[in-house]
N, C-alpha and C. Protein backbone atom coordinates (compact mmCIF):
# COMPACT_ATOMS: atom_id res chain seq x y z
N UNK A 1 -8.38 -8.35 16.02
CA UNK A 1 -7.40 -9.31 15.53
C UNK A 1 -7.56 -9.57 14.04
N UNK A 2 -8.79 -9.52 13.55
CA UNK A 2 -9.05 -9.79 12.13
C UNK A 2 -8.33 -8.77 11.25
N UNK A 3 -8.15 -7.56 11.73
CA UNK A 3 -7.50 -6.53 10.93
C UNK A 3 -6.02 -6.84 10.72
N UNK A 4 -5.42 -7.51 11.67
CA UNK A 4 -4.02 -7.93 11.51
C UNK A 4 -3.91 -9.06 10.49
N UNK A 5 -4.95 -9.91 10.42
CA UNK A 5 -4.98 -10.96 9.40
C UNK A 5 -5.10 -10.35 8.00
N UNK A 6 -5.87 -9.28 7.89
CA UNK A 6 -5.96 -8.57 6.61
C UNK A 6 -4.59 -8.04 6.22
N UNK A 7 -3.91 -7.41 7.18
CA UNK A 7 -2.56 -6.89 6.93
C UNK A 7 -1.63 -8.02 6.51
N UNK A 8 -1.69 -9.15 7.20
CA UNK A 8 -0.82 -10.29 6.87
C UNK A 8 -1.11 -10.80 5.46
N UNK A 9 -2.38 -10.87 5.09
CA UNK A 9 -2.74 -11.32 3.74
C UNK A 9 -2.19 -10.37 2.68
N UNK A 10 -2.28 -9.08 2.93
CA UNK A 10 -1.74 -8.09 2.00
C UNK A 10 -0.23 -8.26 1.87
N UNK A 11 0.46 -8.41 2.99
CA UNK A 11 1.93 -8.57 2.97
C UNK A 11 2.31 -9.81 2.18
N UNK A 12 1.64 -10.92 2.42
CA UNK A 12 1.97 -12.18 1.73
C UNK A 12 1.71 -12.04 0.23
N UNK A 13 0.55 -11.53 -0.15
CA UNK A 13 0.22 -11.37 -1.57
C UNK A 13 1.18 -10.38 -2.24
N UNK A 14 1.48 -9.30 -1.56
CA UNK A 14 2.39 -8.28 -2.10
C UNK A 14 3.78 -8.87 -2.33
N UNK A 15 4.32 -9.53 -1.33
CA UNK A 15 5.68 -10.06 -1.45
C UNK A 15 5.75 -11.21 -2.45
N UNK A 16 4.72 -12.03 -2.52
CA UNK A 16 4.69 -13.13 -3.48
C UNK A 16 4.66 -12.60 -4.91
N UNK A 17 3.80 -11.61 -5.18
CA UNK A 17 3.72 -11.06 -6.54
C UNK A 17 5.01 -10.35 -6.92
N UNK A 18 5.62 -9.65 -5.98
CA UNK A 18 6.91 -9.00 -6.26
C UNK A 18 7.99 -10.03 -6.54
N UNK A 19 8.00 -11.12 -5.78
CA UNK A 19 8.96 -12.19 -6.00
C UNK A 19 8.79 -12.77 -7.41
N UNK A 20 7.54 -12.99 -7.83
CA UNK A 20 7.28 -13.51 -9.18
C UNK A 20 7.84 -12.58 -10.25
N UNK A 21 7.62 -11.28 -10.07
CA UNK A 21 8.11 -10.30 -11.05
C UNK A 21 9.63 -10.31 -11.10
N UNK A 22 10.27 -10.27 -9.94
CA UNK A 22 11.74 -10.26 -9.89
C UNK A 22 12.30 -11.56 -10.47
N UNK A 23 11.67 -12.67 -10.14
CA UNK A 23 12.17 -13.99 -10.56
C UNK A 23 11.98 -14.27 -12.04
N UNK A 24 10.84 -13.86 -12.61
CA UNK A 24 10.48 -14.29 -13.96
C UNK A 24 10.48 -13.20 -15.03
N UNK A 25 10.72 -11.96 -14.64
CA UNK A 25 10.70 -10.88 -15.63
C UNK A 25 12.01 -10.10 -15.61
N UNK A 26 12.42 -9.64 -16.76
CA UNK A 26 13.57 -8.74 -16.84
C UNK A 26 13.09 -7.33 -16.49
N UNK A 27 13.96 -6.55 -15.89
CA UNK A 27 13.64 -5.16 -15.58
C UNK A 27 13.24 -4.44 -16.87
N UNK A 28 12.11 -3.79 -16.87
CA UNK A 28 11.61 -3.07 -18.04
C UNK A 28 10.71 -3.91 -18.93
N UNK A 29 10.70 -5.23 -18.73
CA UNK A 29 9.83 -6.09 -19.54
C UNK A 29 8.37 -5.80 -19.22
N UNK A 30 7.53 -5.87 -20.23
CA UNK A 30 6.11 -5.56 -20.06
C UNK A 30 5.26 -6.62 -20.74
N UNK A 31 4.28 -7.14 -20.02
CA UNK A 31 3.37 -8.16 -20.54
C UNK A 31 1.97 -7.55 -20.62
N UNK A 32 1.40 -7.47 -21.82
CA UNK A 32 0.04 -6.91 -21.93
C UNK A 32 -1.01 -7.87 -21.35
N UNK A 33 -1.89 -7.33 -20.54
CA UNK A 33 -3.03 -8.08 -20.02
C UNK A 33 -4.27 -7.64 -20.80
N UNK A 34 -4.48 -6.33 -20.88
CA UNK A 34 -5.52 -5.73 -21.72
C UNK A 34 -4.82 -4.61 -22.50
N UNK A 35 -4.67 -4.80 -23.82
CA UNK A 35 -3.95 -3.82 -24.63
C UNK A 35 -4.45 -2.40 -24.39
N UNK A 36 -3.49 -1.49 -24.24
CA UNK A 36 -3.73 -0.06 -24.03
C UNK A 36 -4.45 0.26 -22.73
N UNK A 37 -4.55 -0.72 -21.81
CA UNK A 37 -5.21 -0.49 -20.53
C UNK A 37 -4.38 -1.01 -19.35
N UNK A 38 -4.00 -2.28 -19.40
CA UNK A 38 -3.36 -2.91 -18.24
C UNK A 38 -2.19 -3.79 -18.69
N UNK A 39 -1.04 -3.58 -18.04
CA UNK A 39 0.17 -4.35 -18.33
C UNK A 39 0.83 -4.76 -17.02
N UNK A 40 1.55 -5.87 -17.05
CA UNK A 40 2.45 -6.23 -15.96
C UNK A 40 3.83 -5.78 -16.46
N UNK A 41 4.40 -4.80 -15.79
CA UNK A 41 5.68 -4.21 -16.21
C UNK A 41 6.65 -4.24 -15.03
N UNK A 42 7.80 -4.85 -15.24
CA UNK A 42 8.82 -4.95 -14.20
C UNK A 42 9.52 -3.60 -14.05
N UNK A 43 9.30 -2.97 -12.90
CA UNK A 43 9.81 -1.62 -12.66
C UNK A 43 10.34 -1.55 -11.22
N UNK A 44 11.31 -0.69 -10.98
CA UNK A 44 11.83 -0.49 -9.62
C UNK A 44 11.73 0.99 -9.28
N UNK A 45 11.50 1.25 -8.00
CA UNK A 45 11.34 2.62 -7.53
C UNK A 45 12.17 2.79 -6.26
N UNK A 46 13.08 3.73 -6.26
CA UNK A 46 13.90 4.01 -5.07
C UNK A 46 13.37 5.20 -4.30
N UNK A 47 12.17 5.65 -4.65
CA UNK A 47 11.59 6.81 -3.98
C UNK A 47 10.22 6.49 -3.43
N UNK A 48 9.44 7.55 -3.27
CA UNK A 48 8.06 7.41 -2.81
C UNK A 48 7.15 7.37 -4.03
N UNK A 49 5.89 7.70 -3.84
CA UNK A 49 4.92 7.69 -4.93
C UNK A 49 5.44 8.52 -6.10
N UNK A 50 5.28 7.97 -7.29
CA UNK A 50 5.70 8.64 -8.53
C UNK A 50 7.19 8.96 -8.54
N UNK A 51 7.97 8.20 -7.76
CA UNK A 51 9.41 8.36 -7.78
C UNK A 51 9.95 9.56 -7.03
N UNK A 52 9.12 10.22 -6.24
CA UNK A 52 9.59 11.38 -5.48
C UNK A 52 10.56 10.94 -4.39
N UNK A 53 11.45 11.83 -4.01
CA UNK A 53 12.41 11.61 -2.91
C UNK A 53 13.28 10.38 -3.13
N UNK A 54 13.80 10.23 -4.33
CA UNK A 54 14.65 9.09 -4.68
C UNK A 54 15.81 8.93 -3.69
N UNK A 55 15.98 7.70 -3.20
CA UNK A 55 17.13 7.36 -2.37
C UNK A 55 17.10 7.86 -0.94
N UNK A 56 16.01 8.44 -0.48
CA UNK A 56 15.92 8.96 0.89
C UNK A 56 15.45 7.87 1.86
N UNK A 57 16.22 6.79 1.94
CA UNK A 57 15.79 5.63 2.71
C UNK A 57 15.57 5.94 4.17
N UNK A 58 16.46 6.71 4.79
CA UNK A 58 16.32 7.01 6.22
C UNK A 58 14.97 7.67 6.48
N UNK A 59 14.50 8.53 5.56
CA UNK A 59 13.21 9.20 5.72
C UNK A 59 12.08 8.19 5.61
N UNK A 60 12.16 7.28 4.64
CA UNK A 60 11.11 6.26 4.48
C UNK A 60 11.06 5.33 5.68
N UNK A 61 12.22 4.95 6.20
CA UNK A 61 12.25 4.08 7.38
C UNK A 61 11.56 4.76 8.56
N UNK A 62 11.94 5.99 8.81
CA UNK A 62 11.38 6.74 9.93
C UNK A 62 9.88 6.93 9.78
N UNK A 63 9.45 7.40 8.62
CA UNK A 63 8.03 7.65 8.39
C UNK A 63 7.23 6.34 8.51
N UNK A 64 7.76 5.27 7.94
CA UNK A 64 7.03 3.99 7.99
C UNK A 64 6.87 3.49 9.41
N UNK A 65 7.91 3.58 10.21
CA UNK A 65 7.82 3.13 11.61
C UNK A 65 6.77 3.95 12.36
N UNK A 66 6.75 5.25 12.14
CA UNK A 66 5.77 6.12 12.81
C UNK A 66 4.36 5.80 12.33
N UNK A 67 4.19 5.62 11.02
CA UNK A 67 2.86 5.32 10.46
C UNK A 67 2.36 3.97 10.96
N UNK A 68 3.22 2.95 10.93
CA UNK A 68 2.82 1.62 11.39
C UNK A 68 2.43 1.68 12.87
N UNK A 69 3.20 2.36 13.69
CA UNK A 69 2.86 2.50 15.11
C UNK A 69 1.51 3.20 15.28
N UNK A 70 1.30 4.27 14.51
CA UNK A 70 0.04 4.99 14.58
C UNK A 70 -1.14 4.13 14.18
N UNK A 71 -0.98 3.35 13.12
CA UNK A 71 -2.07 2.47 12.66
C UNK A 71 -2.39 1.43 13.73
N UNK A 72 -1.36 0.85 14.33
CA UNK A 72 -1.59 -0.17 15.36
C UNK A 72 -2.31 0.44 16.57
N UNK A 73 -1.90 1.62 16.97
CA UNK A 73 -2.58 2.30 18.08
C UNK A 73 -4.04 2.56 17.74
N UNK A 74 -4.29 3.03 16.52
CA UNK A 74 -5.65 3.33 16.08
C UNK A 74 -6.49 2.05 16.04
N UNK A 75 -5.92 0.96 15.51
CA UNK A 75 -6.65 -0.32 15.46
C UNK A 75 -7.04 -0.76 16.86
N UNK A 76 -6.13 -0.62 17.81
CA UNK A 76 -6.40 -1.07 19.18
C UNK A 76 -7.52 -0.27 19.84
N UNK A 77 -7.73 0.96 19.37
CA UNK A 77 -8.76 1.82 19.97
C UNK A 77 -10.12 1.71 19.27
N UNK A 78 -10.19 0.94 18.20
CA UNK A 78 -11.45 0.83 17.45
C UNK A 78 -12.54 0.16 18.28
N UNK A 79 -13.73 0.60 18.06
CA UNK A 79 -14.90 -0.03 18.66
C UNK A 79 -15.36 -1.15 17.72
N UNK A 80 -16.05 -2.16 18.25
CA UNK A 80 -16.52 -3.26 17.39
C UNK A 80 -17.37 -2.79 16.20
N UNK A 81 -18.06 -1.68 16.36
CA UNK A 81 -18.92 -1.18 15.28
C UNK A 81 -18.13 -0.47 14.17
N UNK A 82 -16.84 -0.28 14.35
CA UNK A 82 -16.04 0.46 13.38
C UNK A 82 -15.28 -0.48 12.44
N UNK A 83 -16.00 -1.46 11.90
CA UNK A 83 -15.37 -2.47 11.05
C UNK A 83 -14.79 -1.89 9.77
N UNK A 84 -15.48 -0.95 9.15
CA UNK A 84 -14.98 -0.36 7.90
C UNK A 84 -13.63 0.32 8.14
N UNK A 85 -13.52 1.06 9.22
CA UNK A 85 -12.25 1.71 9.56
C UNK A 85 -11.19 0.65 9.82
N UNK A 86 -11.55 -0.44 10.49
CA UNK A 86 -10.61 -1.51 10.78
C UNK A 86 -10.08 -2.18 9.53
N UNK A 87 -10.97 -2.44 8.58
CA UNK A 87 -10.54 -3.03 7.31
C UNK A 87 -9.59 -2.07 6.59
N UNK A 88 -9.96 -0.79 6.57
CA UNK A 88 -9.10 0.21 5.94
C UNK A 88 -7.73 0.27 6.60
N UNK A 89 -7.71 0.26 7.91
CA UNK A 89 -6.44 0.30 8.64
C UNK A 89 -5.62 -0.97 8.44
N UNK A 90 -6.29 -2.12 8.37
CA UNK A 90 -5.60 -3.37 8.09
C UNK A 90 -4.94 -3.35 6.72
N UNK A 91 -5.65 -2.82 5.73
CA UNK A 91 -5.08 -2.69 4.38
C UNK A 91 -3.89 -1.73 4.39
N UNK A 92 -4.05 -0.62 5.08
CA UNK A 92 -2.96 0.36 5.16
C UNK A 92 -1.73 -0.23 5.86
N UNK A 93 -1.97 -0.96 6.94
CA UNK A 93 -0.87 -1.58 7.67
C UNK A 93 -0.12 -2.57 6.78
N UNK A 94 -0.85 -3.43 6.09
CA UNK A 94 -0.22 -4.40 5.21
C UNK A 94 0.54 -3.73 4.08
N UNK A 95 -0.03 -2.69 3.50
CA UNK A 95 0.64 -1.98 2.42
C UNK A 95 1.90 -1.28 2.88
N UNK A 96 1.84 -0.64 4.02
CA UNK A 96 3.02 0.05 4.55
C UNK A 96 4.14 -0.94 4.84
N UNK A 97 3.81 -2.06 5.44
CA UNK A 97 4.83 -3.06 5.77
C UNK A 97 5.36 -3.73 4.49
N UNK A 98 4.49 -3.98 3.53
CA UNK A 98 4.93 -4.60 2.28
C UNK A 98 6.00 -3.78 1.57
N UNK A 99 5.78 -2.48 1.43
CA UNK A 99 6.79 -1.65 0.79
C UNK A 99 8.01 -1.44 1.69
N UNK A 100 7.81 -1.45 3.00
CA UNK A 100 8.93 -1.32 3.93
C UNK A 100 9.88 -2.51 3.78
N UNK A 101 9.33 -3.71 3.63
CA UNK A 101 10.15 -4.91 3.43
C UNK A 101 11.04 -4.73 2.21
N UNK A 102 10.46 -4.23 1.11
CA UNK A 102 11.26 -3.98 -0.10
C UNK A 102 12.38 -3.00 0.17
N UNK A 103 12.07 -1.91 0.83
CA UNK A 103 13.09 -0.87 1.07
C UNK A 103 14.22 -1.40 1.95
N UNK A 104 13.88 -2.21 2.94
CA UNK A 104 14.91 -2.75 3.83
C UNK A 104 15.78 -3.79 3.13
N UNK A 105 15.15 -4.73 2.42
CA UNK A 105 15.91 -5.86 1.86
C UNK A 105 16.38 -5.66 0.43
N UNK A 106 15.68 -4.84 -0.36
CA UNK A 106 16.08 -4.64 -1.76
C UNK A 106 16.66 -3.25 -2.02
N UNK A 107 16.43 -2.34 -1.08
CA UNK A 107 16.83 -0.93 -1.25
C UNK A 107 16.08 -0.27 -2.41
N UNK A 108 14.96 -0.83 -2.78
CA UNK A 108 14.07 -0.29 -3.81
C UNK A 108 12.75 -1.03 -3.70
N UNK A 109 11.70 -0.44 -4.26
CA UNK A 109 10.38 -1.06 -4.23
C UNK A 109 10.10 -1.64 -5.62
N UNK A 110 9.64 -2.89 -5.65
CA UNK A 110 9.28 -3.54 -6.90
C UNK A 110 7.85 -3.14 -7.25
N UNK A 111 7.70 -2.53 -8.41
CA UNK A 111 6.39 -2.15 -8.92
C UNK A 111 6.14 -2.92 -10.20
N UNK A 112 4.86 -3.21 -10.51
CA UNK A 112 4.59 -4.00 -11.71
C UNK A 112 3.22 -3.80 -12.33
N UNK A 113 2.31 -3.14 -11.68
CA UNK A 113 0.98 -2.92 -12.24
C UNK A 113 1.02 -1.60 -13.01
N UNK A 114 0.85 -1.69 -14.32
CA UNK A 114 0.97 -0.51 -15.18
C UNK A 114 -0.34 -0.32 -15.93
N UNK A 115 -0.99 0.80 -15.68
CA UNK A 115 -2.27 1.08 -16.31
C UNK A 115 -2.22 2.34 -17.15
N UNK A 116 -3.09 2.37 -18.11
CA UNK A 116 -3.28 3.56 -18.95
C UNK A 116 -4.71 4.03 -18.76
N UNK A 117 -4.86 5.33 -18.56
CA UNK A 117 -6.18 5.95 -18.50
C UNK A 117 -6.25 6.83 -19.74
N UNK A 118 -6.89 6.31 -20.78
CA UNK A 118 -6.84 6.99 -22.07
C UNK A 118 -5.42 6.92 -22.59
N UNK A 119 -4.82 8.06 -22.85
CA UNK A 119 -3.44 8.10 -23.32
C UNK A 119 -2.46 8.35 -22.18
N UNK A 120 -2.98 8.55 -20.97
CA UNK A 120 -2.12 8.82 -19.82
C UNK A 120 -1.57 7.52 -19.24
N UNK A 121 -0.26 7.42 -19.15
CA UNK A 121 0.40 6.27 -18.55
C UNK A 121 0.51 6.53 -17.05
N UNK A 122 -0.35 5.87 -16.27
CA UNK A 122 -0.34 6.04 -14.82
C UNK A 122 0.95 5.42 -14.28
N UNK A 123 1.58 6.04 -13.26
CA UNK A 123 2.82 5.46 -12.71
C UNK A 123 2.62 4.01 -12.27
N UNK A 124 3.63 3.20 -12.49
CA UNK A 124 3.60 1.77 -12.16
C UNK A 124 3.52 1.62 -10.64
N UNK A 125 2.69 0.68 -10.18
CA UNK A 125 2.49 0.50 -8.74
C UNK A 125 2.44 -0.99 -8.42
N UNK A 126 2.13 -1.33 -7.17
CA UNK A 126 2.12 -2.73 -6.73
C UNK A 126 0.94 -3.00 -5.80
N UNK A 127 0.87 -4.22 -5.28
CA UNK A 127 -0.23 -4.62 -4.39
C UNK A 127 -0.24 -3.78 -3.11
N UNK A 128 0.94 -3.52 -2.54
CA UNK A 128 1.02 -2.72 -1.31
C UNK A 128 0.47 -1.32 -1.55
N UNK A 129 0.84 -0.71 -2.69
CA UNK A 129 0.33 0.62 -3.02
C UNK A 129 -1.20 0.59 -3.15
N UNK A 130 -1.71 -0.45 -3.80
CA UNK A 130 -3.16 -0.59 -3.97
C UNK A 130 -3.85 -0.72 -2.62
N UNK A 131 -3.29 -1.55 -1.74
CA UNK A 131 -3.88 -1.74 -0.41
C UNK A 131 -3.87 -0.44 0.38
N UNK A 132 -2.77 0.30 0.30
CA UNK A 132 -2.71 1.61 0.98
C UNK A 132 -3.79 2.55 0.47
N UNK A 133 -3.94 2.61 -0.84
CA UNK A 133 -4.92 3.52 -1.45
C UNK A 133 -6.34 3.14 -1.06
N UNK A 134 -6.69 1.86 -1.20
CA UNK A 134 -8.03 1.40 -0.85
C UNK A 134 -8.27 1.61 0.65
N UNK A 135 -7.25 1.34 1.46
CA UNK A 135 -7.38 1.55 2.91
C UNK A 135 -7.67 2.99 3.27
N UNK A 136 -6.97 3.91 2.63
CA UNK A 136 -7.20 5.34 2.89
C UNK A 136 -8.62 5.72 2.47
N UNK A 137 -9.07 5.23 1.32
CA UNK A 137 -10.43 5.54 0.85
C UNK A 137 -11.46 5.01 1.85
N UNK A 138 -11.28 3.77 2.31
CA UNK A 138 -12.22 3.21 3.30
C UNK A 138 -12.22 4.00 4.60
N UNK A 139 -11.05 4.43 5.03
CA UNK A 139 -10.96 5.22 6.26
C UNK A 139 -11.68 6.55 6.10
N UNK A 140 -11.51 7.20 4.94
CA UNK A 140 -12.23 8.45 4.68
C UNK A 140 -13.74 8.23 4.65
N UNK A 141 -14.18 7.17 4.00
CA UNK A 141 -15.62 6.86 3.96
C UNK A 141 -16.14 6.69 5.38
N UNK A 142 -15.40 5.95 6.18
CA UNK A 142 -15.80 5.75 7.59
C UNK A 142 -15.89 7.09 8.32
N UNK A 143 -14.85 7.91 8.17
CA UNK A 143 -14.81 9.18 8.92
C UNK A 143 -15.91 10.14 8.48
N UNK A 144 -16.19 10.20 7.19
CA UNK A 144 -17.16 11.18 6.70
C UNK A 144 -18.61 10.71 6.78
N UNK A 145 -18.84 9.39 6.76
CA UNK A 145 -20.22 8.92 6.71
C UNK A 145 -20.67 8.13 7.93
N UNK A 146 -19.74 7.55 8.68
CA UNK A 146 -20.15 6.66 9.76
C UNK A 146 -19.64 7.06 11.14
N UNK A 147 -18.57 7.82 11.21
CA UNK A 147 -18.02 8.19 12.52
C UNK A 147 -18.91 9.21 13.19
N UNK A 148 -19.06 9.05 14.48
CA UNK A 148 -19.81 10.04 15.25
C UNK A 148 -18.82 10.92 15.98
N UNK A 149 -19.04 12.23 15.95
CA UNK A 149 -18.09 13.12 16.64
C UNK A 149 -18.08 12.84 18.14
N UNK A 150 -16.88 12.89 18.71
CA UNK A 150 -16.76 12.70 20.15
C UNK A 150 -17.24 13.95 20.86
N UNK A 151 -17.98 13.73 21.92
CA UNK A 151 -18.49 14.86 22.69
C UNK A 151 -17.51 15.17 23.81
N UNK A 152 -17.20 16.44 23.98
CA UNK A 152 -16.31 16.86 25.06
C UNK A 152 -17.04 16.89 26.39
N UNK A 153 -16.32 16.98 27.45
CA UNK A 153 -16.94 17.09 28.78
C UNK A 153 -17.54 18.45 28.94
N UNK A 154 -18.80 18.48 29.24
CA UNK A 154 -19.48 19.77 29.39
C UNK A 154 -19.86 19.99 30.82
């Protein structure tokens, strides 16, 4: 149950920060937080990561429903000792739903975290994207370092 609370916290934080950006910033406006490193930039994305598949909403809806169902099934099958995987899945669930809400109600995803790595301008992202990324990393760490292979019937 705690993993669903993590997802809920991600959804609330994601939607609140997006609401703030939409409410108080003009599209394209950028506020420096750390010069040449971190900015809050009001941006919209009608596609997937890095703007791929622009306008393919039916595909995003379908994929998101399948992914969310898969995550919920996986969470329900977790053992109590698999907390790291559960946290990762909770983050992924919240991130997937957060961006899904944008696609359904806004027909675009609100992005606002803009970082520079040296001179490279990393694509603008949001809290849901961050939660998805961290969740995937935690799940990989769990799978590669803590998961025990299932033994088949011999």
